[in-house]
């Protein structure tokens, strides 16, 4: 949940800033369209990848805590449905914005839909979290009130705080991304947004401490208080770093500030999951939990390296749009077939090379062949993947000894790693 709050939160926040770009120009800087283009460009490689953490949360919850999951989803059906619709509309709007001319009504409508969805989704998810945190979701099928359970003061405050956190994270991340392109005016604009959103988020978080305490969740003692202090210190450090325009470190401290709030909520609520039900009481059977842990480990063995590669390539500029951009400007997504000649003309005028993948692709075409393919390497990886899957599953299903289960888990992990290495190996290697 901390990973989804930080990564997808920044993603939602980028959509929030496209919605709030209402002034024709920033102070001495680029127009609102440049801000929207930069926000959309920053979302490009990760706008769907970050939802994988939400999938993890849902799968773990309904598998490991089925009664609690049924209680939560039935009582909080309305905010969860709003969040699901927001995610769908947001994806559709992002796709439409990518193929429409920015001057056409379709593009403007898609941008507005993207922004609205980016606000409604974190708000709805925040209210659902707030309802669980303050104990407004009783055990049972739709046992809680369908309206007041998530539209009471504490859940609504958490929803607003989720939106504020999203804008805060996005502003810091977008400022750092703008610096990478030498876009000083864009970086300055997002720096101002980061400072304002940081102050607003801090104020809402302090108010939330009082509201949540009055609603039954005390964050002012024990481990929860320690994590609140960590969040506050990281938030102040982020403001100082943004003020000094050191956005690289500010990204880390901003993420820590938000993640500490999520973990602090868990520490304050433990061991209660729902009213009258602890985490241990809500857990499924041991065999289900063991199988779930194995599945999660195998999934993470593939997921974590994949996301690490994705973010590394993105932060190094290897996934930038093929068309170039003048110094001080962020890349702009192509609009239709005319983008190709326009990009070529821009490259010639600015005297720059195509960014990211275009440069690498051109260089790759000019290289000498690397030699004949080595099919035995791919065959060996395929054999490891198949044998690890078959052997690991067989040991887990047909044996009972603990040491054979350990070997089974190791076999499944070997299968996952081999499969990832196989898919990551370019043809001919």
Protein backbone atom coordinates (compact mmCIF):
# COMPACT_ATOMS: atom_id res chain seq x y z
CA UNK A 1 0.00 0.00 0.00
CA UNK A 2 2.93 2.35 0.66
CA UNK A 3 4.31 1.62 -2.83
CA UNK A 4 0.94 2.29 -4.46
CA UNK A 5 0.42 5.47 -2.45
CA UNK A 6 3.82 6.87 -3.44
CA UNK A 7 4.15 5.73 -7.06
CA UNK A 8 0.55 5.82 -8.24
CA UNK A 9 -0.04 8.88 -6.06
CA UNK A 10 2.58 10.81 -8.01
CA UNK A 11 0.94 9.54 -11.18
CA UNK A 12 -2.47 10.83 -10.08
CA UNK A 13 -0.87 14.10 -9.00
CA UNK A 14 0.44 14.71 -12.51
CA UNK A 15 -3.15 14.51 -13.71
CA UNK A 16 -4.17 16.91 -10.94
CA UNK A 17 -1.72 19.56 -12.17
CA UNK A 18 -3.05 19.27 -15.72
CA UNK A 19 -6.49 20.07 -14.32
CA UNK A 20 -5.26 23.03 -12.26
CA UNK A 21 -3.30 24.64 -15.08
CA UNK A 22 -5.84 27.39 -15.66
CA UNK A 23 -3.61 30.45 -16.00
CA UNK A 24 -2.48 31.24 -19.55
CA UNK A 25 1.17 31.53 -18.54
CA UNK A 26 3.37 30.82 -15.56
CA UNK A 27 5.22 33.77 -14.11
CA UNK A 28 7.83 34.50 -16.73
CA UNK A 29 7.70 30.91 -17.90
CA UNK A 30 6.03 28.61 -20.40
CA UNK A 31 2.32 28.43 -20.97
CA UNK A 32 -0.10 25.98 -19.44
CA UNK A 33 0.14 23.70 -22.45
CA UNK A 34 3.84 23.14 -21.76
CA UNK A 35 3.01 22.17 -18.18
CA UNK A 36 0.37 19.71 -19.39
CA UNK A 37 2.75 18.26 -21.98
CA UNK A 38 5.46 17.80 -19.36
CA UNK A 39 3.04 16.13 -16.93
CA UNK A 40 1.79 13.78 -19.63
CA UNK A 41 5.32 12.98 -20.77
CA UNK A 42 6.37 12.11 -17.22
CA UNK A 43 3.40 9.73 -16.87
CA UNK A 44 4.12 8.00 -20.17
CA UNK A 45 6.25 4.99 -19.19
CA UNK A 46 4.60 4.33 -15.82
CA UNK A 47 0.94 5.36 -16.04
CA UNK A 48 -0.24 1.74 -16.01
CA UNK A 49 2.70 0.02 -14.33
CA UNK A 50 2.04 1.62 -10.95
CA UNK A 51 -1.37 -0.05 -10.67
CA UNK A 52 0.38 -3.38 -10.21
CA UNK A 53 0.69 -2.52 -6.50
CA UNK A 54 -3.07 -2.09 -6.24
CA UNK A 55 -3.47 -5.54 -7.79
CA UNK A 56 -1.13 -6.94 -5.13
CA UNK A 57 -3.19 -5.30 -2.37
CA UNK A 58 -6.48 -6.67 -3.73
CA UNK A 59 -5.21 -10.21 -4.36
CA UNK A 60 -3.54 -10.48 -0.97
CA UNK A 61 -6.59 -9.07 0.81
CA UNK A 62 -9.22 -11.31 -0.75
CA UNK A 63 -7.00 -14.40 -0.52
CA UNK A 64 -5.52 -13.97 2.95
CA UNK A 65 -8.47 -12.19 4.63
CA UNK A 66 -11.61 -13.26 2.73
CA UNK A 67 -14.21 -12.33 5.37
CA UNK A 68 -12.67 -8.91 5.93
CA UNK A 69 -12.41 -8.34 2.17
CA UNK A 70 -16.06 -9.20 1.67
CA UNK A 71 -17.06 -6.86 4.48
CA UNK A 72 -14.97 -3.98 3.14
CA UNK A 73 -16.02 -4.28 -0.50
CA UNK A 74 -19.73 -4.67 0.30
CA UNK A 75 -19.94 -1.76 2.74
CA UNK A 76 -17.62 0.47 0.70
CA UNK A 77 -18.95 -0.53 -2.71
CA UNK A 78 -19.65 3.09 -3.70
CA UNK A 79 -16.15 4.61 -3.22
CA UNK A 80 -14.45 1.51 -4.62
CA UNK A 81 -16.69 1.65 -7.70
CA UNK A 82 -15.88 5.34 -8.14
CA UNK A 83 -12.16 4.54 -7.93
CA UNK A 84 -12.47 1.73 -10.48
CA UNK A 85 -14.39 3.93 -12.92
CA UNK A 86 -11.85 6.70 -12.38
CA UNK A 87 -8.96 4.39 -13.25
CA UNK A 88 -10.74 3.23 -16.41
CA UNK A 89 -11.71 6.74 -17.54
CA UNK A 90 -8.24 7.99 -16.77
CA UNK A 91 -6.67 5.37 -19.00
CA UNK A 92 -9.11 6.08 -21.81
CA UNK A 93 -8.52 9.83 -21.54
CA UNK A 94 -4.75 9.34 -21.59
CA UNK A 95 -4.98 7.24 -24.74
CA UNK A 96 -7.32 9.73 -26.47
CA UNK A 97 -5.07 12.64 -25.54
CA UNK A 98 -2.17 10.87 -27.22
CA UNK A 99 -3.81 10.65 -30.65
CA UNK A 100 -5.74 13.94 -30.74
CA UNK A 101 -4.49 17.33 -31.87
CA UNK A 102 -3.95 19.53 -28.80
CA UNK A 103 -5.99 22.31 -30.41
CA UNK A 104 -9.09 20.18 -30.94
CA UNK A 105 -12.03 19.97 -28.49
CA UNK A 106 -11.49 16.21 -28.22
CA UNK A 107 -8.02 16.74 -26.80
CA UNK A 108 -9.19 19.37 -24.33
CA UNK A 109 -12.06 17.14 -23.19
CA UNK A 110 -9.64 14.23 -22.77
CA UNK A 111 -7.30 16.39 -20.68
CA UNK A 112 -10.17 17.51 -18.46
CA UNK A 113 -11.38 13.92 -18.04
CA UNK A 114 -7.83 12.84 -17.20
CA UNK A 115 -7.58 15.54 -14.55
CA UNK A 116 -10.98 14.86 -13.00
CA UNK A 117 -10.31 11.12 -12.87
CA UNK A 118 -6.92 11.80 -11.27
CA UNK A 119 -8.69 13.66 -8.46
CA UNK A 120 -11.71 11.41 -7.94
CA UNK A 121 -9.72 8.16 -7.83
CA UNK A 122 -7.32 9.01 -4.95
CA UNK A 123 -10.15 10.76 -3.10
CA UNK A 124 -12.39 7.69 -3.32
CA UNK A 125 -9.59 5.34 -2.30
CA UNK A 126 -8.66 7.66 0.56
CA UNK A 127 -12.20 7.71 1.92
CA UNK A 128 -12.28 3.90 1.80
CA UNK A 129 -9.01 3.72 3.76
CA UNK A 130 -10.33 6.27 6.23
CA UNK A 131 -13.52 4.29 6.77
CA UNK A 132 -11.50 1.16 7.60
CA UNK A 133 -9.11 3.11 9.81
CA UNK A 134 -11.80 4.60 12.06
CA UNK A 135 -13.80 1.38 12.31
CA UNK A 136 -16.82 2.26 10.19
CA UNK A 137 -16.78 -1.09 8.38
CA UNK A 138 -18.32 -3.80 10.58
CA UNK A 139 -17.89 -7.50 9.88
CA UNK A 140 -20.58 -8.88 7.61
CA UNK A 141 -22.01 -8.56 4.12
CA UNK A 142 -22.92 -4.88 3.63
CA UNK A 143 -23.27 -4.58 7.41
CA UNK A 144 -22.21 -0.92 7.43
CA UNK A 145 -24.02 2.14 6.16
CA UNK A 146 -23.44 2.54 2.42
CA UNK A 147 -23.21 6.35 2.63
CA UNK A 148 -22.12 7.56 6.05
CA UNK A 149 -19.40 4.90 6.37
CA UNK A 150 -17.19 6.82 3.90
CA UNK A 151 -18.77 10.29 3.81
CA UNK A 152 -18.19 11.13 7.47
CA UNK A 153 -15.58 13.76 8.47
CA UNK A 154 -12.60 11.47 9.12
CA UNK A 155 -12.81 9.45 5.85
CA UNK A 156 -13.43 12.61 3.81
CA UNK A 157 -10.37 14.24 5.38
CA UNK A 158 -8.27 11.21 4.47
CA UNK A 159 -9.60 11.42 0.92
CA UNK A 160 -8.64 15.08 0.66
CA UNK A 161 -5.24 14.26 2.17
CA UNK A 162 -4.72 11.56 -0.47
CA UNK A 163 -5.34 14.12 -3.23
CA UNK A 164 -2.99 16.62 -1.54
CA UNK A 165 -0.27 13.98 -1.15
CA UNK A 166 -0.64 13.09 -4.83
CA UNK A 167 -0.15 16.69 -5.94
CA UNK A 168 2.76 17.11 -3.54
CA UNK A 169 4.61 14.04 -4.83
CA UNK A 170 3.91 14.86 -8.47
CA UNK A 171 5.17 18.44 -8.15
CA UNK A 172 8.47 17.27 -6.64
CA UNK A 173 8.93 14.52 -9.24
CA UNK A 174 7.99 16.79 -12.16
CA UNK A 175 10.39 19.49 -10.96
CA UNK A 176 13.20 16.94 -10.95
CA UNK A 177 12.17 15.72 -14.40
CA UNK A 178 12.15 19.28 -15.75
CA UNK A 179 15.68 19.89 -14.45
CA UNK A 180 16.83 16.85 -16.43
CA UNK A 181 15.84 18.68 -19.64
CA UNK A 182 17.26 22.00 -18.58
CA UNK A 183 13.74 23.46 -18.56
CA UNK A 184 14.37 26.09 -15.91
CA UNK A 185 10.98 27.80 -16.21
CA UNK A 186 9.10 24.51 -15.87
CA UNK A 187 11.25 23.45 -12.92
CA UNK A 188 10.59 26.78 -11.20
CA UNK A 189 6.85 26.42 -11.73
CA UNK A 190 6.75 22.90 -10.32
CA UNK A 191 9.01 24.02 -7.47
CA UNK A 192 6.39 26.58 -6.42
CA UNK A 193 3.70 23.93 -6.68
CA UNK A 194 5.77 21.52 -4.57
CA UNK A 195 6.25 24.09 -1.82
CA UNK A 196 2.56 25.05 -1.74
CA UNK A 197 1.39 21.41 -1.87
CA UNK A 198 3.89 20.45 0.83
CA UNK A 199 2.64 23.14 3.22
CA UNK A 200 -0.99 22.20 2.49
CA UNK A 201 -0.30 18.49 2.99
CA UNK A 202 1.46 19.15 6.28
CA UNK A 203 -1.42 21.25 7.56
CA UNK A 204 -3.97 18.61 6.57
CA UNK A 205 -1.86 15.88 8.17
CA UNK A 206 -1.71 17.80 11.47
CA UNK A 207 -5.46 18.34 11.37
CA UNK A 208 -5.87 14.66 10.56
CA UNK A 209 -4.08 13.68 13.78
CA UNK A 210 -6.78 15.41 15.82
CA UNK A 211 -9.70 14.24 13.69
CA UNK A 212 -8.53 10.63 13.61
CA UNK A 213 -7.93 10.61 17.37
CA UNK A 214 -11.47 11.84 17.94
CA UNK A 215 -12.74 9.12 15.61
CA UNK A 216 -11.00 6.23 17.38
CA UNK A 217 -7.55 5.99 15.75
CA UNK A 218 -4.76 7.39 17.94
CA UNK A 219 -1.59 8.25 16.01
CA UNK A 220 0.03 10.06 18.93
CA UNK A 221 1.59 7.19 20.85
CA UNK A 222 3.98 4.29 20.42
CA UNK A 223 5.26 3.25 17.01
CA UNK A 224 2.60 5.31 15.27
CA UNK A 225 3.92 8.52 16.87
CA UNK A 226 7.49 7.62 15.86
CA UNK A 227 6.41 7.18 12.25
CA UNK A 228 4.46 10.44 12.33
CA UNK A 229 7.65 12.15 13.50
CA UNK A 230 9.59 10.49 10.66
CA UNK A 231 6.98 11.73 8.20
CA UNK A 232 7.13 15.26 9.60
CA UNK A 233 10.92 15.38 9.50
CA UNK A 234 10.97 14.04 5.93
CA UNK A 235 8.34 16.57 4.91
CA UNK A 236 10.35 19.48 6.33
CA UNK A 237 13.48 18.15 4.63
CA UNK A 238 11.57 18.03 1.35
CA UNK A 239 10.51 21.66 1.68
CA UNK A 240 14.10 22.69 2.42
CA UNK A 241 15.46 20.69 -0.52
CA UNK A 242 12.82 22.09 -2.88
CA UNK A 243 13.62 25.60 -1.68
CA UNK A 244 17.27 24.91 -2.55
CA UNK A 245 16.20 23.29 -5.87
CA UNK A 246 17.81 19.95 -4.96
CA UNK A 247 15.03 17.88 -6.42
CA UNK A 248 16.91 14.59 -6.68
CA UNK A 249 17.10 14.20 -2.89
CA UNK A 250 13.68 15.82 -2.50
CA UNK A 251 12.10 12.93 -4.40
CA UNK A 252 13.41 10.48 -1.80
CA UNK A 253 12.36 12.51 1.24
CA UNK A 254 8.91 13.22 -0.24
CA UNK A 255 8.36 9.51 -0.83
CA UNK A 256 9.51 8.75 2.72
CA UNK A 257 7.14 11.35 4.17
CA UNK A 258 4.12 9.79 2.47
CA UNK A 259 5.13 6.16 3.02
CA UNK A 260 5.65 6.81 6.76
CA UNK A 261 2.04 8.02 7.03
CA UNK A 262 0.77 4.75 5.53
CA UNK A 263 2.92 2.60 7.82
CA UNK A 264 1.98 4.78 10.80
CA UNK A 265 -1.71 4.10 10.11
CA UNK A 266 -1.00 0.34 10.17
CA UNK A 267 0.95 0.68 13.42
CA UNK A 268 -1.85 2.68 15.07
CA UNK A 269 -4.59 0.27 14.01
CA UNK A 270 -2.77 -3.01 14.78
CA UNK A 271 -3.84 -5.60 15.70
CA UNK A 272 -7.39 -4.57 14.73
CA UNK A 273 -8.44 -5.09 11.12
CA UNK A 274 -12.18 -4.48 11.49
CA UNK A 275 -14.23 -3.80 14.63
CA UNK A 276 -14.16 -6.97 16.73
CA UNK A 277 -11.78 -8.74 14.32
CA UNK A 278 -7.98 -8.82 14.58
CA UNK A 279 -5.63 -9.55 11.70
CA UNK A 280 -4.98 -13.04 13.08
CA UNK A 281 -8.69 -13.80 13.40
CA UNK A 282 -9.34 -12.61 9.85
CA UNK A 283 -6.57 -14.71 8.31
CA UNK A 284 -7.30 -17.65 6.03
CA UNK A 285 -6.01 -21.19 6.65
CA UNK A 286 -2.30 -21.95 6.89
CA UNK A 287 -2.14 -23.77 3.56
CA UNK A 288 -3.70 -20.76 1.81
CA UNK A 289 -1.26 -18.38 3.47
CA UNK A 290 1.74 -20.54 2.51
CA UNK A 291 0.58 -20.74 -1.10
CA UNK A 292 -0.01 -16.97 -1.13
CA UNK A 293 3.47 -16.22 0.21
CA UNK A 294 5.00 -18.46 -2.46
CA UNK A 295 2.98 -16.77 -5.21
CA UNK A 296 3.89 -13.29 -3.96
CA UNK A 297 7.59 -14.18 -3.80
CA UNK A 298 7.52 -15.53 -7.35
CA UNK A 299 5.65 -12.47 -8.54
CA UNK A 300 8.09 -10.10 -6.87
CA UNK A 301 11.04 -11.98 -8.39
CA UNK A 302 9.73 -10.91 -11.80
CA UNK A 303 8.10 -7.62 -10.88
CA UNK A 304 10.83 -5.85 -8.91
CA UNK A 305 13.60 -6.26 -11.54
CA UNK A 306 11.14 -5.26 -14.27
CA UNK A 307 10.07 -2.08 -12.49
CA UNK A 308 13.66 -1.29 -11.53
CA UNK A 309 14.64 -1.55 -15.20
CA UNK A 310 11.67 0.57 -16.26
CA UNK A 311 12.38 3.40 -13.83
CA UNK A 312 16.13 3.28 -14.52
CA UNK A 313 15.60 3.64 -18.26
CA UNK A 314 13.08 6.42 -17.71
CA UNK A 315 15.24 8.44 -15.31
CA UNK A 316 18.19 8.13 -17.70
CA UNK A 317 16.13 9.49 -20.57
CA UNK A 318 16.18 6.26 -22.58
CA UNK A 319 12.38 6.24 -22.90
CA UNK A 320 12.00 9.84 -24.03
CA UNK A 321 9.86 10.59 -27.06
CA UNK A 322 11.76 10.15 -30.35
CA UNK A 323 11.32 13.77 -31.43
CA UNK A 324 13.81 16.26 -30.10
CA UNK A 325 13.14 19.47 -28.26
CA UNK A 326 14.88 22.78 -27.96
CA UNK A 327 17.02 23.44 -24.88
CA UNK A 328 14.85 24.52 -21.98
CA UNK A 329 11.77 22.72 -23.25
CA UNK A 330 10.31 19.40 -22.23
CA UNK A 331 9.42 16.83 -24.90
CA UNK A 332 6.01 17.10 -26.48
CA UNK A 333 4.08 14.02 -27.51
CA UNK A 334 3.50 13.64 -31.28
CA UNK A 335 0.05 14.49 -32.64
CA UNK A 336 -0.76 12.62 -35.80
CA UNK A 337 1.35 11.87 -38.84
CA UNK A 338 2.60 15.44 -39.08
CA UNK A 339 4.72 14.97 -36.00
CA UNK A 340 7.40 13.09 -37.91
CA UNK A 341 8.41 15.89 -40.34
CA UNK A 342 8.00 18.51 -37.63
CA UNK A 343 10.31 16.59 -35.33
CA UNK A 344 12.90 16.22 -38.09
CA UNK A 345 12.74 19.95 -38.77
CA UNK A 346 13.14 20.69 -35.09
CA UNK A 347 16.19 18.45 -34.95
CA UNK A 348 17.76 20.23 -37.89
CA UNK A 349 16.99 23.67 -36.50
CA UNK A 350 18.15 22.98 -32.97
CA UNK A 351 21.15 20.96 -34.07
CA UNK A 352 20.33 18.19 -31.66
CA UNK A 353 20.12 14.46 -31.94
CA UNK A 354 16.91 12.51 -31.40
CA UNK A 355 16.40 11.73 -27.74
CA UNK A 356 16.32 8.42 -25.96
CA UNK A 357 15.44 5.38 -28.00
CA UNK A 358 15.86 7.08 -31.39
CA UNK A 359 19.53 7.76 -30.73
CA UNK A 360 20.12 4.28 -29.46
CA UNK A 361 18.21 2.74 -32.31
CA UNK A 362 20.19 4.68 -34.91
CA UNK A 363 23.44 3.71 -33.28
CA UNK A 364 22.37 0.10 -33.17
CA UNK A 365 21.66 0.10 -36.90
CA UNK A 366 25.16 1.34 -37.62
CA UNK A 367 26.93 -1.28 -35.54
CA UNK A 368 28.55 -4.35 -36.92
CA UNK A 369 26.74 -7.62 -36.37
CA UNK A 370 27.50 -9.08 -32.98
CA UNK A 371 27.88 -12.58 -34.27
CA UNK A 372 25.69 -15.60 -34.57
CA UNK A 373 22.97 -16.30 -32.07
CA UNK A 374 23.62 -18.64 -29.18
CA UNK A 375 20.46 -20.72 -28.94
CA UNK A 376 21.92 -22.92 -26.21
CA UNK A 377 21.77 -20.02 -23.74
CA UNK A 378 18.08 -19.45 -24.37
CA UNK A 379 17.44 -23.18 -24.31
CA UNK A 380 19.20 -23.51 -20.96
CA UNK A 381 17.13 -20.69 -19.47
CA UNK A 382 13.95 -22.22 -20.85
CA UNK A 383 14.90 -25.57 -19.34
CA UNK A 384 15.55 -23.99 -15.94
CA UNK A 385 12.23 -22.19 -16.07
CA UNK A 386 10.25 -25.32 -16.97
CA UNK A 387 12.10 -27.67 -14.62
CA UNK A 388 11.93 -25.20 -11.73
CA UNK A 389 8.19 -24.75 -12.22
CA UNK A 390 7.48 -28.48 -12.52
CA UNK A 391 9.83 -29.53 -9.74
CA UNK A 392 8.81 -26.76 -7.34
CA UNK A 393 5.10 -27.32 -7.85
CA UNK A 394 5.51 -31.08 -7.50
CA UNK A 395 7.43 -30.82 -4.24
CA UNK A 396 4.89 -28.43 -2.75
CA UNK A 397 1.84 -30.42 -3.82
CA UNK A 398 2.91 -34.04 -3.39
CA UNK A 399 5.25 -33.91 -0.37
CA UNK A 400 4.79 -32.97 3.27
CA UNK A 401 8.30 -32.59 4.69
CA UNK A 402 9.35 -29.02 5.52
CA UNK A 403 12.69 -29.37 3.73
CA UNK A 404 10.95 -30.45 0.52
CA UNK A 405 8.71 -27.39 0.77
CA UNK A 406 11.82 -25.23 1.04
CA UNK A 407 13.19 -26.87 -2.09
CA UNK A 408 9.84 -26.38 -3.80
CA UNK A 409 9.83 -22.66 -3.05
CA UNK A 410 13.44 -22.43 -4.29
CA UNK A 411 12.42 -24.20 -7.50
CA UNK A 412 9.58 -21.76 -8.13
CA UNK A 413 11.86 -18.80 -7.50
CA UNK A 414 14.44 -20.29 -9.88
CA UNK A 415 11.72 -20.67 -12.50
CA UNK A 416 10.65 -17.04 -12.11
CA UNK A 417 14.22 -15.72 -12.33
CA UNK A 418 15.00 -17.88 -15.37
CA UNK A 419 11.81 -16.75 -17.10
CA UNK A 420 12.67 -13.12 -16.47
CA UNK A 421 16.23 -13.59 -17.74
CA UNK A 422 14.86 -15.33 -20.83
CA UNK A 423 12.48 -12.47 -21.68
CA UNK A 424 15.15 -9.85 -20.93
CA UNK A 425 17.76 -11.45 -23.22
CA UNK A 426 17.80 -9.79 -26.67
CA UNK A 427 17.68 -12.04 -29.74
CA UNK A 428 21.14 -13.22 -30.69
CA UNK A 429 22.58 -13.07 -27.17
